[in-house]
Amino acid sequence: MRRRLGGPDRLTPRAARALACDLLVGHGFAPVAEGARSGSLYLRAPGGPHQVRIADHARTPKRRQQYPQVVASLVIADPLSEAAVRERVASALRAVAAAERVEDQPV
């Protein structure tokens, strides 16, 4: 009997990305774009311009400069446990909250 890649309690990368998307949608995020070739998914925070990206690869520095509204990028390329996915989503939510606080401060 072959062991499942990453262990029996790990989600496949595709399932982990789907879970991350579902968790963010549960927090009010809305899908706004999907990369045609890359499969990246972009979700906008409720009531603001900030976005979270879910993908299986990192963004290039050029893309980070072109799209500053993406404040967190969840790169899920390997099998992860559900707990690990939830922690990454929690980290993305903290990044969005921090970006909103910076935006709300007077200049």
Protein backbone atom coordinates (compact mmCIF):
# COMPACT_ATOMS: atom_id res chain seq x y z
CA MET A 1 0.00 0.00 0.00
CA ARG A 2 1.41 3.38 -1.03
CA ARG A 3 1.29 6.28 1.38
CA ARG A 4 -0.40 9.43 0.26
CA LEU A 5 2.01 12.24 -0.64
CA GLY A 6 2.47 14.50 2.37
CA GLY A 7 0.82 12.11 4.82
CA PRO A 8 -2.74 11.00 5.44
CA ASP A 9 -3.83 14.24 7.13
CA ARG A 10 -2.67 16.49 4.29
CA LEU A 11 -4.87 18.07 1.63
CA THR A 12 -3.72 18.06 -1.96
CA PRO A 13 -2.57 21.50 -3.13
CA ARG A 14 -5.75 21.89 -5.21
CA ALA A 15 -7.98 20.97 -2.25
CA ALA A 16 -5.98 23.25 0.05
CA ARG A 17 -6.41 26.19 -2.35
CA ALA A 18 -10.15 25.47 -2.60
CA LEU A 19 -10.41 25.43 1.21
CA ALA A 20 -8.52 28.74 1.44
CA CYS A 21 -10.92 30.26 -1.09
CA ASP A 22 -13.97 28.96 0.80
CA LEU A 23 -12.62 30.34 4.10
CA LEU A 24 -12.00 33.78 2.60
CA VAL A 25 -15.43 33.84 0.94
CA GLY A 26 -16.83 32.99 4.37
CA HIS A 27 -15.19 36.18 5.65
CA GLY A 28 -16.93 38.24 2.98
CA PHE A 29 -14.25 38.23 0.30
CA ALA A 30 -15.43 38.12 -3.29
CA PRO A 31 -13.60 36.61 -6.27
CA VAL A 32 -12.63 39.39 -8.69
CA ALA A 33 -10.18 37.79 -11.12
CA GLU A 34 -8.63 34.52 -12.13
CA GLY A 35 -5.35 34.12 -13.98
CA ALA A 36 -6.11 32.59 -17.38
CA ARG A 37 -2.85 30.70 -17.66
CA SER A 38 -1.62 30.48 -14.10
CA GLY A 39 -4.75 29.53 -12.19
CA SER A 40 -4.21 32.32 -9.67
CA LEU A 41 -7.36 33.49 -7.94
CA TYR A 42 -7.82 37.02 -6.63
CA LEU A 43 -10.38 37.85 -3.94
CA ARG A 44 -11.34 41.38 -2.84
CA ALA A 45 -11.82 42.23 0.80
CA PRO A 46 -15.31 43.39 1.76
CA GLY A 47 -15.71 47.15 1.47
CA GLY A 48 -12.19 47.90 0.30
CA PRO A 49 -9.70 47.75 -2.54
CA HIS A 50 -7.39 45.20 -0.91
CA GLN A 51 -7.04 41.77 -2.43
CA VAL A 52 -5.72 38.36 -1.46
CA ARG A 53 -4.20 36.08 -4.09
CA ILE A 54 -4.32 32.29 -3.94
CA ALA A 55 -1.95 30.43 -6.27
CA ASP A 56 0.53 27.62 -6.64
CA HIS A 57 3.48 29.94 -7.33
CA ALA A 58 4.95 33.19 -6.04
CA ARG A 59 4.50 36.53 -7.76
CA THR A 60 7.41 38.19 -9.50
CA PRO A 61 8.71 41.54 -8.20
CA LYS A 62 7.31 43.16 -11.35
CA ARG A 63 3.82 41.83 -10.58
CA ARG A 64 4.07 43.00 -6.95
CA GLN A 65 4.78 46.53 -8.20
CA GLN A 66 2.03 46.44 -10.82
CA TYR A 67 -0.66 45.29 -8.38
CA PRO A 68 -0.12 46.91 -4.97
CA GLN A 69 -3.74 46.22 -4.00
CA VAL A 70 -2.77 42.56 -3.48
CA VAL A 71 -1.67 42.70 0.14
CA ALA A 72 -1.31 38.94 0.72
CA SER A 73 -0.46 36.03 -1.51
CA LEU A 74 -1.25 32.51 -0.36
CA VAL A 75 1.15 30.25 -2.21
CA ILE A 76 -0.04 26.67 -1.84
CA ALA A 77 2.05 24.35 -3.99
CA ASP A 78 2.53 21.39 -1.63
CA PRO A 79 0.17 19.23 0.43
CA LEU A 80 -0.94 20.99 3.63
CA SER A 81 -3.01 20.10 6.64
CA GLU A 82 -6.32 21.85 7.16
CA ALA A 83 -4.83 23.58 10.20
CA ALA A 84 -1.96 24.95 8.09
CA VAL A 85 -4.40 26.29 5.50
CA ARG A 86 -6.47 27.94 8.23
CA GLU A 87 -3.32 29.56 9.68
CA ARG A 88 -2.31 30.94 6.27
CA VAL A 89 -5.79 32.37 5.79
CA ALA A 90 -5.66 33.93 9.27
CA SER A 91 -2.32 35.51 8.35
CA ALA A 92 -3.82 36.91 5.13
CA LEU A 93 -6.74 38.36 7.11
CA ARG A 94 -4.26 40.07 9.46
CA ALA A 95 -2.39 41.51 6.45
CA VAL A 96 -5.62 42.93 5.02
CA ALA A 97 -6.57 44.42 8.41
CA ALA A 98 -3.12 46.03 8.69
CA ALA A 99 -3.40 47.50 5.18
CA GLU A 100 -6.80 48.93 6.05
CA ARG A 101 -5.42 50.54 9.24
CA VAL A 102 -2.55 52.14 7.29
CA GLU A 103 -4.99 53.44 4.69
CA ASP A 104 -7.27 54.94 7.37
CA GLN A 105 -4.50 56.91 9.10
CA PRO A 106 -4.41 60.64 8.39
CA VAL A 107 -1.44 61.91 6.41
